[in-house]
mmCIF file of all heavy atoms, coordinates in Angstrom:
data_MODEL
# 
_entry.id   MODEL 
# 
loop_
_atom_site.group_PDB 
_atom_site.id 
_atom_site.type_symbol 
_atom_site.label_atom_id 
_atom_site.label_alt_id 
_atom_site.label_comp_id 
_atom_site.label_asym_id 
_atom_site.label_entity_id 
_atom_site.label_seq_id 
_atom_site.pdbx_PDB_ins_code 
_atom_site.Cartn_x 
_atom_site.Cartn_y 
_atom_site.Cartn_z 
_atom_site.occupancy 
_atom_site.B_iso_or_equiv 
_atom_site.pdbx_formal_charge 
_atom_site.auth_seq_id 
_atom_site.auth_comp_id 
_atom_site.auth_asym_id 
_atom_site.auth_atom_id 
_atom_site.pdbx_PDB_model_num 
ATOM 1   N N   . GLY A 1 1  ? -7.810  -10.228 18.153 1.00 0.00 ? 1  GLY A N   1 
ATOM 2   C CA  . GLY A 1 1  ? -7.346  -11.528 18.616 1.00 0.00 ? 1  GLY A CA  1 
ATOM 3   C C   . GLY A 1 1  ? -5.918  -11.521 19.110 1.00 0.00 ? 1  GLY A C   1 
ATOM 4   O O   . GLY A 1 1  ? -5.209  -12.517 19.026 1.00 0.00 ? 1  GLY A O   1 
ATOM 5   N N   . GLY A 1 2  ? -5.448  -10.355 19.624 1.00 0.00 ? 2  GLY A N   1 
ATOM 6   C CA  . GLY A 1 2  ? -4.096  -10.304 20.145 1.00 0.00 ? 2  GLY A CA  1 
ATOM 7   C C   . GLY A 1 2  ? -3.042  -10.038 19.102 1.00 0.00 ? 2  GLY A C   1 
ATOM 8   O O   . GLY A 1 2  ? -1.871  -9.869  19.425 1.00 0.00 ? 2  GLY A O   1 
ATOM 9   N N   . ARG A 1 3  ? -3.436  -9.993  17.824 1.00 0.00 ? 3  ARG A N   1 
ATOM 10  C CA  . ARG A 1 3  ? -2.464  -9.750  16.773 1.00 0.00 ? 3  ARG A CA  1 
ATOM 11  C C   . ARG A 1 3  ? -2.454  -8.275  16.410 1.00 0.00 ? 3  ARG A C   1 
ATOM 12  O O   . ARG A 1 3  ? -3.490  -7.658  16.213 1.00 0.00 ? 3  ARG A O   1 
ATOM 13  C CB  . ARG A 1 3  ? -2.800  -10.567 15.530 1.00 0.00 ? 3  ARG A CB  1 
ATOM 14  C CG  . ARG A 1 3  ? -2.455  -12.056 15.672 1.00 0.00 ? 3  ARG A CG  1 
ATOM 15  C CD  . ARG A 1 3  ? -2.488  -12.706 14.286 1.00 0.00 ? 3  ARG A CD  1 
ATOM 16  N NE  . ARG A 1 3  ? -1.930  -14.039 14.345 1.00 0.00 ? 3  ARG A NE  1 
ATOM 17  C CZ  . ARG A 1 3  ? -2.651  -15.135 14.540 1.00 0.00 ? 3  ARG A CZ  1 
ATOM 18  N NH1 . ARG A 1 3  ? -3.935  -15.038 14.724 1.00 0.00 ? 3  ARG A NH1 1 
ATOM 19  N NH2 . ARG A 1 3  ? -2.072  -16.319 14.580 1.00 0.00 ? 3  ARG A NH2 1 
ATOM 20  N N   . PRO A 1 4  ? -1.283  -7.663  16.293 1.00 0.00 ? 4  PRO A N   1 
ATOM 21  C CA  . PRO A 1 4  ? -1.220  -6.265  15.884 1.00 0.00 ? 4  PRO A CA  1 
ATOM 22  C C   . PRO A 1 4  ? -1.725  -6.113  14.461 1.00 0.00 ? 4  PRO A C   1 
ATOM 23  O O   . PRO A 1 4  ? -1.650  -7.027  13.654 1.00 0.00 ? 4  PRO A O   1 
ATOM 24  C CB  . PRO A 1 4  ? 0.264   -5.938  15.976 1.00 0.00 ? 4  PRO A CB  1 
ATOM 25  C CG  . PRO A 1 4  ? 0.966   -7.255  15.829 1.00 0.00 ? 4  PRO A CG  1 
ATOM 26  C CD  . PRO A 1 4  ? 0.054   -8.262  16.465 1.00 0.00 ? 4  PRO A CD  1 
ATOM 27  N N   . ASP A 1 5  ? -2.255  -4.941  14.146 1.00 0.00 ? 5  ASP A N   1 
ATOM 28  C CA  . ASP A 1 5  ? -2.848  -4.683  12.846 1.00 0.00 ? 5  ASP A CA  1 
ATOM 29  C C   . ASP A 1 5  ? -2.063  -3.578  12.145 1.00 0.00 ? 5  ASP A C   1 
ATOM 30  O O   . ASP A 1 5  ? -2.628  -2.622  11.637 1.00 0.00 ? 5  ASP A O   1 
ATOM 31  C CB  . ASP A 1 5  ? -4.317  -4.292  13.049 1.00 0.00 ? 5  ASP A CB  1 
ATOM 32  C CG  . ASP A 1 5  ? -5.055  -4.144  11.729 1.00 0.00 ? 5  ASP A CG  1 
ATOM 33  O OD1 . ASP A 1 5  ? -4.521  -4.587  10.710 1.00 0.00 ? 5  ASP A OD1 1 
ATOM 34  O OD2 . ASP A 1 5  ? -6.143  -3.565  11.739 1.00 0.00 ? 5  ASP A OD2 1 
ATOM 35  N N   . GLU A 1 6  ? -0.751  -3.733  12.124 1.00 0.00 ? 6  GLU A N   1 
ATOM 36  C CA  . GLU A 1 6  ? 0.064   -2.667  11.549 1.00 0.00 ? 6  GLU A CA  1 
ATOM 37  C C   . GLU A 1 6  ? -0.115  -2.526  10.051 1.00 0.00 ? 6  GLU A C   1 
ATOM 38  O O   . GLU A 1 6  ? 0.274   -1.521  9.456  1.00 0.00 ? 6  GLU A O   1 
ATOM 39  C CB  . GLU A 1 6  ? 1.546   -2.900  11.861 1.00 0.00 ? 6  GLU A CB  1 
ATOM 40  C CG  . GLU A 1 6  ? 2.151   -4.147  11.240 1.00 0.00 ? 6  GLU A CG  1 
ATOM 41  C CD  . GLU A 1 6  ? 2.069   -5.367  12.135 1.00 0.00 ? 6  GLU A CD  1 
ATOM 42  O OE1 . GLU A 1 6  ? 1.239   -5.373  13.055 1.00 0.00 ? 6  GLU A OE1 1 
ATOM 43  O OE2 . GLU A 1 6  ? 2.836   -6.314  11.905 1.00 0.00 ? 6  GLU A OE2 1 
ATOM 44  N N   . ASP A 1 7  ? -0.720  -3.537  9.392  1.00 0.00 ? 7  ASP A N   1 
ATOM 45  C CA  . ASP A 1 7  ? -0.889  -3.484  7.947  1.00 0.00 ? 7  ASP A CA  1 
ATOM 46  C C   . ASP A 1 7  ? -2.246  -2.951  7.520  1.00 0.00 ? 7  ASP A C   1 
ATOM 47  O O   . ASP A 1 7  ? -2.529  -2.863  6.336  1.00 0.00 ? 7  ASP A O   1 
ATOM 48  C CB  . ASP A 1 7  ? -0.707  -4.884  7.352  1.00 0.00 ? 7  ASP A CB  1 
ATOM 49  C CG  . ASP A 1 7  ? 0.685   -5.430  7.628  1.00 0.00 ? 7  ASP A CG  1 
ATOM 50  O OD1 . ASP A 1 7  ? 1.645   -4.678  7.400  1.00 0.00 ? 7  ASP A OD1 1 
ATOM 51  O OD2 . ASP A 1 7  ? 0.792   -6.572  8.064  1.00 0.00 ? 7  ASP A OD2 1 
ATOM 52  N N   . GLY A 1 8  ? -3.103  -2.622  8.469  1.00 0.00 ? 8  GLY A N   1 
ATOM 53  C CA  . GLY A 1 8  ? -4.427  -2.133  8.122  1.00 0.00 ? 8  GLY A CA  1 
ATOM 54  C C   . GLY A 1 8  ? -5.425  -3.262  7.934  1.00 0.00 ? 8  GLY A C   1 
ATOM 55  O O   . GLY A 1 8  ? -5.120  -4.446  8.164  1.00 0.00 ? 8  GLY A O   1 
ATOM 56  N N   . GLN A 1 9  ? -6.608  -2.896  7.514  1.00 0.00 ? 9  GLN A N   1 
ATOM 57  C CA  . GLN A 1 9  ? -7.694  -3.860  7.344  1.00 0.00 ? 9  GLN A CA  1 
ATOM 58  C C   . GLN A 1 9  ? -8.321  -3.703  5.971  1.00 0.00 ? 9  GLN A C   1 
ATOM 59  O O   . GLN A 1 9  ? -8.317  -2.626  5.385  1.00 0.00 ? 9  GLN A O   1 
ATOM 60  C CB  . GLN A 1 9  ? -8.788  -3.620  8.394  1.00 0.00 ? 9  GLN A CB  1 
ATOM 61  C CG  . GLN A 1 9  ? -8.352  -3.713  9.817  1.00 0.00 ? 9  GLN A CG  1 
ATOM 62  C CD  . GLN A 1 9  ? -9.470  -3.324  10.773 1.00 0.00 ? 9  GLN A CD  1 
ATOM 63  O OE1 . GLN A 1 9  ? -10.607 -3.106  10.351 1.00 0.00 ? 9  GLN A OE1 1 
ATOM 64  N NE2 . GLN A 1 9  ? -9.146  -3.235  12.051 1.00 0.00 ? 9  GLN A NE2 1 
ATOM 65  N N   . PHE A 1 10 ? -8.884  -4.813  5.476  1.00 0.00 ? 10 PHE A N   1 
ATOM 66  C CA  . PHE A 1 10 ? -9.702  -4.775  4.275  1.00 0.00 ? 10 PHE A CA  1 
ATOM 67  C C   . PHE A 1 10 ? -11.163 -4.711  4.694  1.00 0.00 ? 10 PHE A C   1 
ATOM 68  O O   . PHE A 1 10 ? -11.585 -5.440  5.602  1.00 0.00 ? 10 PHE A O   1 
ATOM 69  C CB  . PHE A 1 10 ? -9.451  -6.011  3.417  1.00 0.00 ? 10 PHE A CB  1 
ATOM 70  C CG  . PHE A 1 10 ? -8.051  -6.075  2.873  1.00 0.00 ? 10 PHE A CG  1 
ATOM 71  C CD1 . PHE A 1 10 ? -7.091  -6.864  3.502  1.00 0.00 ? 10 PHE A CD1 1 
ATOM 72  C CD2 . PHE A 1 10 ? -7.681  -5.333  1.768  1.00 0.00 ? 10 PHE A CD2 1 
ATOM 73  C CE1 . PHE A 1 10 ? -5.800  -6.924  3.017  1.00 0.00 ? 10 PHE A CE1 1 
ATOM 74  C CE2 . PHE A 1 10 ? -6.388  -5.379  1.281  1.00 0.00 ? 10 PHE A CE2 1 
ATOM 75  C CZ  . PHE A 1 10 ? -5.443  -6.172  1.906  1.00 0.00 ? 10 PHE A CZ  1 
ATOM 76  N N   . VAL A 1 11 ? -11.911 -3.854  4.041  1.00 0.00 ? 11 VAL A N   1 
ATOM 77  C CA  . VAL A 1 11 ? -13.331 -3.713  4.324  1.00 0.00 ? 11 VAL A CA  1 
ATOM 78  C C   . VAL A 1 11 ? -14.102 -4.101  3.065  1.00 0.00 ? 11 VAL A C   1 
ATOM 79  O O   . VAL A 1 11 ? -13.972 -3.451  2.018  1.00 0.00 ? 11 VAL A O   1 
ATOM 80  C CB  . VAL A 1 11 ? -13.686 -2.266  4.736  1.00 0.00 ? 11 VAL A CB  1 
ATOM 81  C CG1 . VAL A 1 11 ? -15.173 -2.178  5.087  1.00 0.00 ? 11 VAL A CG1 1 
ATOM 82  C CG2 . VAL A 1 11 ? -12.824 -1.822  5.908  1.00 0.00 ? 11 VAL A CG2 1 
ATOM 83  N N   . VAL A 1 12 ? -14.878 -5.170  3.163  1.00 0.00 ? 12 VAL A N   1 
ATOM 84  C CA  . VAL A 1 12 ? -15.663 -5.672  2.044  1.00 0.00 ? 12 VAL A CA  1 
ATOM 85  C C   . VAL A 1 12 ? -17.110 -5.215  2.232  1.00 0.00 ? 12 VAL A C   1 
ATOM 86  O O   . VAL A 1 12 ? -17.734 -5.514  3.264  1.00 0.00 ? 12 VAL A O   1 
ATOM 87  C CB  . VAL A 1 12 ? -15.606 -7.204  1.971  1.00 0.00 ? 12 VAL A CB  1 
ATOM 88  C CG1 . VAL A 1 12 ? -16.398 -7.703  0.769  1.00 0.00 ? 12 VAL A CG1 1 
ATOM 89  C CG2 . VAL A 1 12 ? -14.158 -7.688  1.899  1.00 0.00 ? 12 VAL A CG2 1 
ATOM 90  N N   . SER A 1 13 ? -17.634 -4.476  1.265  1.00 0.00 ? 13 SER A N   1 
ATOM 91  C CA  . SER A 1 13 ? -19.014 -3.998  1.317  1.00 0.00 ? 13 SER A CA  1 
ATOM 92  C C   . SER A 1 13 ? -19.922 -4.990  0.601  1.00 0.00 ? 13 SER A C   1 
ATOM 93  O O   . SER A 1 13 ? -19.605 -5.465  -0.497 1.00 0.00 ? 13 SER A O   1 
ATOM 94  C CB  . SER A 1 13 ? -19.129 -2.628  0.647  1.00 0.00 ? 13 SER A CB  1 
ATOM 95  O OG  . SER A 1 13 ? -18.300 -1.685  1.298  1.00 0.00 ? 13 SER A OG  1 
ATOM 96  N N   . LEU A 1 14 ? -21.066 -5.289  1.227  1.00 0.00 ? 14 LEU A N   1 
ATOM 97  C CA  . LEU A 1 14 ? -22.025 -6.225  0.657  1.00 0.00 ? 14 LEU A CA  1 
ATOM 98  C C   . LEU A 1 14 ? -23.280 -5.501  0.223  1.00 0.00 ? 14 LEU A C   1 
ATOM 99  O O   . LEU A 1 14 ? -23.597 -4.412  0.716  1.00 0.00 ? 14 LEU A O   1 
ATOM 100 C CB  . LEU A 1 14 ? -22.389 -7.311  1.670  1.00 0.00 ? 14 LEU A CB  1 
ATOM 101 C CG  . LEU A 1 14 ? -21.248 -8.046  2.368  1.00 0.00 ? 14 LEU A CG  1 
ATOM 102 C CD1 . LEU A 1 14 ? -21.804 -9.124  3.284  1.00 0.00 ? 14 LEU A CD1 1 
ATOM 103 C CD2 . LEU A 1 14 ? -20.297 -8.645  1.347  1.00 0.00 ? 14 LEU A CD2 1 
ATOM 104 N N   . GLU A 1 15 ? -23.999 -6.112  -0.700 1.00 0.00 ? 15 GLU A N   1 
ATOM 105 C CA  . GLU A 1 15 ? -25.307 -5.576  -1.072 1.00 0.00 ? 15 GLU A CA  1 
ATOM 106 C C   . GLU A 1 15 ? -26.177 -5.489  0.178  1.00 0.00 ? 15 GLU A C   1 
ATOM 107 O O   . GLU A 1 15 ? -26.220 -6.419  0.983  1.00 0.00 ? 15 GLU A O   1 
ATOM 108 C CB  . GLU A 1 15 ? -25.990 -6.481  -2.098 1.00 0.00 ? 15 GLU A CB  1 
ATOM 109 C CG  . GLU A 1 15 ? -25.546 -6.261  -3.519 1.00 0.00 ? 15 GLU A CG  1 
ATOM 110 C CD  . GLU A 1 15 ? -26.353 -7.070  -4.513 1.00 0.00 ? 15 GLU A CD  1 
ATOM 111 O OE1 . GLU A 1 15 ? -27.201 -7.890  -4.078 1.00 0.00 ? 15 GLU A OE1 1 
ATOM 112 O OE2 . GLU A 1 15 ? -26.130 -6.911  -5.728 1.00 0.00 ? 15 GLU A OE2 1 
ATOM 113 N N   . GLY A 1 16 ? -26.851 -4.360  0.342  1.00 0.00 ? 16 GLY A N   1 
ATOM 114 C CA  . GLY A 1 16 ? -27.670 -4.169  1.525  1.00 0.00 ? 16 GLY A CA  1 
ATOM 115 C C   . GLY A 1 16 ? -26.991 -3.335  2.584  1.00 0.00 ? 16 GLY A C   1 
ATOM 116 O O   . GLY A 1 16 ? -27.629 -2.958  3.570  1.00 0.00 ? 16 GLY A O   1 
ATOM 117 N N   . GLY A 1 17 ? -25.679 -3.089  2.422  1.00 0.00 ? 17 GLY A N   1 
ATOM 118 C CA  . GLY A 1 17 ? -25.005 -2.170  3.331  1.00 0.00 ? 17 GLY A CA  1 
ATOM 119 C C   . GLY A 1 17 ? -24.114 -2.794  4.381  1.00 0.00 ? 17 GLY A C   1 
ATOM 120 O O   . GLY A 1 17 ? -23.379 -2.083  5.063  1.00 0.00 ? 17 GLY A O   1 
ATOM 121 N N   . ALA A 1 18 ? -24.156 -4.127  4.562  1.00 0.00 ? 18 ALA A N   1 
ATOM 122 C CA  . ALA A 1 18 ? -23.305 -4.766  5.565  1.00 0.00 ? 18 ALA A CA  1 
ATOM 123 C C   . ALA A 1 18 ? -21.838 -4.707  5.131  1.00 0.00 ? 18 ALA A C   1 
ATOM 124 O O   . ALA A 1 18 ? -21.526 -4.546  3.944  1.00 0.00 ? 18 ALA A O   1 
ATOM 125 C CB  . ALA A 1 18 ? -23.734 -6.215  5.778  1.00 0.00 ? 18 ALA A CB  1 
ATOM 126 N N   . GLU A 1 19 ? -20.954 -4.826  6.104  1.00 0.00 ? 19 GLU A N   1 
ATOM 127 C CA  . GLU A 1 19 ? -19.522 -4.824  5.835  1.00 0.00 ? 19 GLU A CA  1 
ATOM 128 C C   . GLU A 1 19 ? -18.849 -5.987  6.546  1.00 0.00 ? 19 GLU A C   1 
ATOM 129 O O   . GLU A 1 19 ? -19.294 -6.419  7.610  1.00 0.00 ? 19 GLU A O   1 
ATOM 130 C CB  . GLU A 1 19 ? -18.870 -3.516  6.291  1.00 0.00 ? 19 GLU A CB  1 
ATOM 131 C CG  . GLU A 1 19 ? -19.265 -2.305  5.470  1.00 0.00 ? 19 GLU A CG  1 
ATOM 132 C CD  . GLU A 1 19 ? -18.516 -1.057  5.900  1.00 0.00 ? 19 GLU A CD  1 
ATOM 133 O OE1 . GLU A 1 19 ? -17.983 -1.022  7.035  1.00 0.00 ? 19 GLU A OE1 1 
ATOM 134 O OE2 . GLU A 1 19 ? -18.470 -0.106  5.087  1.00 0.00 ? 19 GLU A OE2 1 
ATOM 135 N N   . VAL A 1 20 ? -17.771 -6.467  5.950  1.00 0.00 ? 20 VAL A N   1 
ATOM 136 C CA  . VAL A 1 20 ? -16.930 -7.511  6.535  1.00 0.00 ? 20 VAL A CA  1 
ATOM 137 C C   . VAL A 1 20 ? -15.512 -6.969  6.577  1.00 0.00 ? 20 VAL A C   1 
ATOM 138 O O   . VAL A 1 20 ? -15.018 -6.414  5.588  1.00 0.00 ? 20 VAL A O   1 
ATOM 139 C CB  . VAL A 1 20 ? -16.980 -8.800  5.696  1.00 0.00 ? 20 VAL A CB  1 
ATOM 140 C CG1 . VAL A 1 20 ? -15.960 -9.806  6.192  1.00 0.00 ? 20 VAL A CG1 1 
ATOM 141 C CG2 . VAL A 1 20 ? -18.382 -9.405  5.728  1.00 0.00 ? 20 VAL A CG2 1 
ATOM 142 N N   . ARG A 1 21 ? -14.844 -7.138  7.726  1.00 0.00 ? 21 ARG A N   1 
ATOM 143 C CA  . ARG A 1 21 ? -13.482 -6.647  7.890  1.00 0.00 ? 21 ARG A CA  1 
ATOM 144 C C   . ARG A 1 21 ? -12.527 -7.810  8.133  1.00 0.00 ? 21 ARG A C   1 
ATOM 145 O O   . ARG A 1 21 ? -12.862 -8.760  8.846  1.00 0.00 ? 21 ARG A O   1 
ATOM 146 C CB  . ARG A 1 21 ? -13.403 -5.657  9.061  1.00 0.00 ? 21 ARG A CB  1 
ATOM 147 C CG  . ARG A 1 21 ? -14.159 -4.359  8.794  1.00 0.00 ? 21 ARG A CG  1 
ATOM 148 C CD  . ARG A 1 21 ? -14.197 -3.455  10.015 1.00 0.00 ? 21 ARG A CD  1 
ATOM 149 N NE  . ARG A 1 21 ? -14.855 -2.196  9.687  1.00 0.00 ? 21 ARG A NE  1 
ATOM 150 C CZ  . ARG A 1 21 ? -14.220 -1.082  9.334  1.00 0.00 ? 21 ARG A CZ  1 
ATOM 151 N NH1 . ARG A 1 21 ? -12.891 -1.068  9.315  1.00 0.00 ? 21 ARG A NH1 1 
ATOM 152 N NH2 . ARG A 1 21 ? -14.877 0.011   9.026  1.00 0.00 ? 21 ARG A NH2 1 
ATOM 153 N N   . ALA A 1 22 ? -11.332 -7.704  7.546  1.00 0.00 ? 22 ALA A N   1 
ATOM 154 C CA  . ALA A 1 22 ? -10.344 -8.775  7.709  1.00 0.00 ? 22 ALA A CA  1 
ATOM 155 C C   . ALA A 1 22 ? -8.949  -8.236  7.475  1.00 0.00 ? 22 ALA A C   1 
ATOM 156 O O   . ALA A 1 22 ? -8.759  -7.206  6.825  1.00 0.00 ? 22 ALA A O   1 
ATOM 157 C CB  . ALA A 1 22 ? -10.637 -9.908  6.734  1.00 0.00 ? 22 ALA A CB  1 
ATOM 158 N N   . LEU A 1 23 ? -7.961  -8.972  8.022  1.00 0.00 ? 23 LEU A N   1 
ATOM 159 C CA  . LEU A 1 23 ? -6.557  -8.605  7.850  1.00 0.00 ? 23 LEU A CA  1 
ATOM 160 C C   . LEU A 1 23 ? -5.967  -9.127  6.543  1.00 0.00 ? 23 LEU A C   1 
ATOM 161 O O   . LEU A 1 23 ? -5.039  -8.540  6.002  1.00 0.00 ? 23 LEU A O   1 
ATOM 162 C CB  . LEU A 1 23 ? -5.729  -9.148  9.017  1.00 0.00 ? 23 LEU A CB  1 
ATOM 163 C CG  . LEU A 1 23 ? -6.168  -8.747  10.425 1.00 0.00 ? 23 LEU A CG  1 
ATOM 164 C CD1 . LEU A 1 23 ? -5.218  -9.343  11.445 1.00 0.00 ? 23 LEU A CD1 1 
ATOM 165 C CD2 . LEU A 1 23 ? -6.231  -7.231  10.553 1.00 0.00 ? 23 LEU A CD2 1 
ATOM 166 N N   . ARG A 1 24 ? -6.498  -10.247 6.071  1.00 0.00 ? 24 ARG A N   1 
ATOM 167 C CA  . ARG A 1 24 ? -6.023  -10.841 4.824  1.00 0.00 ? 24 ARG A CA  1 
ATOM 168 C C   . ARG A 1 24 ? -7.237  -11.134 3.947  1.00 0.00 ? 24 ARG A C   1 
ATOM 169 O O   . ARG A 1 24 ? -8.315  -11.449 4.443  1.00 0.00 ? 24 ARG A O   1 
ATOM 170 C CB  . ARG A 1 24 ? -5.256  -12.144 5.087  1.00 0.00 ? 24 ARG A CB  1 
ATOM 171 C CG  . ARG A 1 24 ? -4.038  -11.972 5.987  1.00 0.00 ? 24 ARG A CG  1 
ATOM 172 C CD  . ARG A 1 24 ? -2.946  -11.172 5.300  1.00 0.00 ? 24 ARG A CD  1 
ATOM 173 N NE  . ARG A 1 24 ? -1.735  -11.089 6.097  1.00 0.00 ? 24 ARG A NE  1 
ATOM 174 C CZ  . ARG A 1 24 ? -1.466  -10.107 6.968  1.00 0.00 ? 24 ARG A CZ  1 
ATOM 175 N NH1 . ARG A 1 24 ? -2.352  -9.138  7.160  1.00 0.00 ? 24 ARG A NH1 1 
ATOM 176 N NH2 . ARG A 1 24 ? -0.322  -10.113 7.639  1.00 0.00 ? 24 ARG A NH2 1 
ATOM 177 N N   . LEU A 1 25 ? -7.010  -11.079 2.636  1.00 0.00 ? 25 LEU A N   1 
ATOM 178 C CA  . LEU A 1 25 ? -8.119  -11.204 1.695  1.00 0.00 ? 25 LEU A CA  1 
ATOM 179 C C   . LEU A 1 25 ? -7.775  -12.190 0.592  1.00 0.00 ? 25 LEU A C   1 
ATOM 180 O O   . LEU A 1 25 ? -6.688  -12.133 0.006  1.00 0.00 ? 25 LEU A O   1 
ATOM 181 C CB  . LEU A 1 25 ? -8.433  -9.837  1.082  1.00 0.00 ? 25 LEU A CB  1 
ATOM 182 C CG  . LEU A 1 25 ? -9.622  -9.753  0.119  1.00 0.00 ? 25 LEU A CG  1 
ATOM 183 C CD1 . LEU A 1 25 ? -10.929 -10.020 0.863  1.00 0.00 ? 25 LEU A CD1 1 
ATOM 184 C CD2 . LEU A 1 25 ? -9.666  -8.368  -0.541 1.00 0.00 ? 25 LEU A CD2 1 
ATOM 185 N N   . LEU A 1 26 ? -8.703  -13.103 0.314  1.00 0.00 ? 26 LEU A N   1 
ATOM 186 C CA  . LEU A 1 26 ? -8.585  -14.014 -0.822 1.00 0.00 ? 26 LEU A CA  1 
ATOM 187 C C   . LEU A 1 26 ? -9.765  -13.770 -1.754 1.00 0.00 ? 26 LEU A C   1 
ATOM 188 O O   . LEU A 1 26 ? -10.925 -13.845 -1.331 1.00 0.00 ? 26 LEU A O   1 
ATOM 189 C CB  . LEU A 1 26 ? -8.583  -15.472 -0.360 1.00 0.00 ? 26 LEU A CB  1 
ATOM 190 C CG  . LEU A 1 26 ? -8.664  -16.523 -1.479 1.00 0.00 ? 26 LEU A CG  1 
ATOM 191 C CD1 . LEU A 1 26 ? -7.450  -16.445 -2.398 1.00 0.00 ? 26 LEU A CD1 1 
ATOM 192 C CD2 . LEU A 1 26 ? -8.806  -17.925 -0.899 1.00 0.00 ? 26 LEU A CD2 1 
ATOM 193 N N   . ILE A 1 27 ? -9.459  -13.499 -3.009 1.00 0.00 ? 27 ILE A N   1 
ATOM 194 C CA  . ILE A 1 27 ? -10.501 -13.289 -4.018 1.00 0.00 ? 27 ILE A CA  1 
ATOM 195 C C   . ILE A 1 27 ? -10.612 -14.558 -4.850 1.00 0.00 ? 27 ILE A C   1 
ATOM 196 O O   . ILE A 1 27 ? -9.667  -14.956 -5.536 1.00 0.00 ? 27 ILE A O   1 
ATOM 197 C CB  . ILE A 1 27 ? -10.170 -12.070 -4.901 1.00 0.00 ? 27 ILE A CB  1 
ATOM 198 C CG1 . ILE A 1 27 ? -10.101 -10.811 -4.043 1.00 0.00 ? 27 ILE A CG1 1 
ATOM 199 C CG2 . ILE A 1 27 ? -11.216 -11.914 -6.007 1.00 0.00 ? 27 ILE A CG2 1 
ATOM 200 C CD1 . ILE A 1 27 ? -9.666  -9.561  -4.792 1.00 0.00 ? 27 ILE A CD1 1 
# 
C-alpha cells in the first residue's frame, strides 16, 4: 500500500494451512 516495510511482517498461521500477513499485530 505504498508504505515501506522496513520492520518486517508478522505471519499468522491458521488451522488448515492458510496464512495471514500484517505489519502490526494485536493479540
